[in-house]
Amino acid sequence: MTIEQLRSAHRAQPFKPFVLHLADGRELPVHHPDFLAPSPSGRTVLVYQPDDTSNVVDLLLVTDLEFRPLDTGSTRRKKN
C-alpha cells in the first residue's frame, strides 16, 4: 500500500467508505474522510472510529484497501 493509493481513496469525490486490511488480519473501516488523518511523512495514518477509538497504522502493514458498504449502525425499514 502506498500513500498515493490511500490519498486517492481518501480524496475520492464522492467519498466511498473503505476498509484497510492489515498484515495481522485486522480490518479497520474508514467510514468518512474526516476519520482518517495521515502523518506529514505519509508513513502512518490515524484511523478514527465512530465511538472515538483510534488506531495508528504503519502503511507498510496495510495489505489491501477494500471498498465496501460499511455498517453505519442506522436502522432502515425494509420496503415490502
Protein backbone atom coordinates (compact mmCIF):
# COMPACT_ATOMS: atom_id res chain seq x y z
CA MET A 1 0.00 0.00 0.00
CA THR A 2 1.37 3.41 -0.89
CA ILE A 3 0.37 6.78 0.50
CA GLU A 4 -0.69 7.78 -3.03
CA GLN A 5 -3.18 4.89 -3.20
CA LEU A 6 -4.58 5.80 0.19
CA ARG A 7 -4.76 9.51 -0.68
CA SER A 8 -6.68 8.66 -3.83
CA ALA A 9 -9.30 6.69 -1.84
CA HIS A 10 -9.38 9.34 0.90
CA ARG A 11 -9.94 12.24 -1.52
CA ALA A 12 -12.39 10.49 -3.87
CA GLN A 13 -15.45 12.51 -4.80
CA PRO A 14 -17.90 11.26 -3.84
CA PHE A 15 -16.21 9.53 -0.92
CA LYS A 16 -16.76 5.77 -0.76
CA PRO A 17 -16.24 4.08 2.63
CA PHE A 18 -13.43 1.54 2.63
CA VAL A 19 -11.66 -0.99 4.83
CA LEU A 20 -7.92 -1.19 5.48
CA HIS A 21 -6.77 -4.81 5.79
CA LEU A 22 -3.69 -5.22 7.98
CA ALA A 23 -0.98 -7.87 7.89
CA ASP A 24 -2.11 -9.25 11.29
CA GLY A 25 -5.62 -9.94 9.94
CA ARG A 26 -7.36 -6.91 11.45
CA GLU A 27 -9.75 -4.80 9.40
CA LEU A 28 -10.11 -1.08 10.03
CA PRO A 29 -13.13 0.58 8.43
CA VAL A 30 -12.89 4.19 7.28
CA HIS A 31 -16.47 5.49 7.43
CA HIS A 32 -15.85 9.12 6.42
CA PRO A 33 -12.89 11.15 5.14
CA ASP A 34 -12.75 13.04 8.45
CA PHE A 35 -11.97 9.72 10.19
CA LEU A 36 -8.54 9.38 8.55
CA ALA A 37 -5.51 11.58 9.31
CA PRO A 38 -2.22 10.90 7.50
CA SER A 39 1.05 11.86 9.17
CA PRO A 40 3.15 14.56 7.48
CA SER A 41 5.66 11.94 6.28
CA GLY A 42 2.91 9.70 4.89
CA ARG A 43 4.32 6.64 6.65
CA THR A 44 1.50 6.31 9.19
CA VAL A 45 -2.18 7.19 9.39
CA LEU A 46 -4.51 7.69 12.31
CA VAL A 47 -7.85 5.94 11.79
CA TYR A 48 -10.79 7.01 13.97
CA GLN A 49 -13.97 5.04 14.59
CA PRO A 50 -17.48 6.37 15.30
CA ASP A 51 -17.05 5.50 19.02
CA ASP A 52 -13.96 7.81 19.25
CA THR A 53 -11.45 4.95 19.42
CA SER A 54 -8.46 5.25 17.12
CA ASN A 55 -5.55 3.28 15.69
CA VAL A 56 -2.16 4.43 14.44
CA VAL A 57 -1.33 2.34 11.39
CA ASP A 58 2.00 1.93 9.62
CA LEU A 59 1.18 1.84 5.91
CA LEU A 60 3.79 -0.87 5.39
CA LEU A 61 1.45 -3.18 7.33
CA VAL A 62 -1.60 -2.48 5.13
CA THR A 63 -2.09 -5.38 2.75
CA ASP A 64 -5.28 -4.28 0.98
CA LEU A 65 -7.75 -1.45 0.64
CA GLU A 66 -11.27 -2.74 0.05
CA PHE A 67 -14.24 -0.63 -0.99
CA ARG A 68 -17.43 -2.00 0.50
CA PRO A 69 -20.55 -0.65 2.16
CA LEU A 70 -19.93 -0.27 5.89
CA ASP A 71 -22.48 -0.85 8.62
CA THR A 72 -23.31 2.63 9.88
CA GLY A 73 -25.46 1.37 12.71
CA SER A 74 -28.56 3.01 11.28
CA THR A 75 -31.72 1.03 11.08
CA ARG A 76 -33.79 1.32 7.97
CA ARG A 77 -37.12 -0.25 7.40
CA LYS A 78 -37.35 -2.65 4.53
CA LYS A 79 -39.91 -1.81 1.89
CA ASN A 80 -42.44 -4.54 1.34
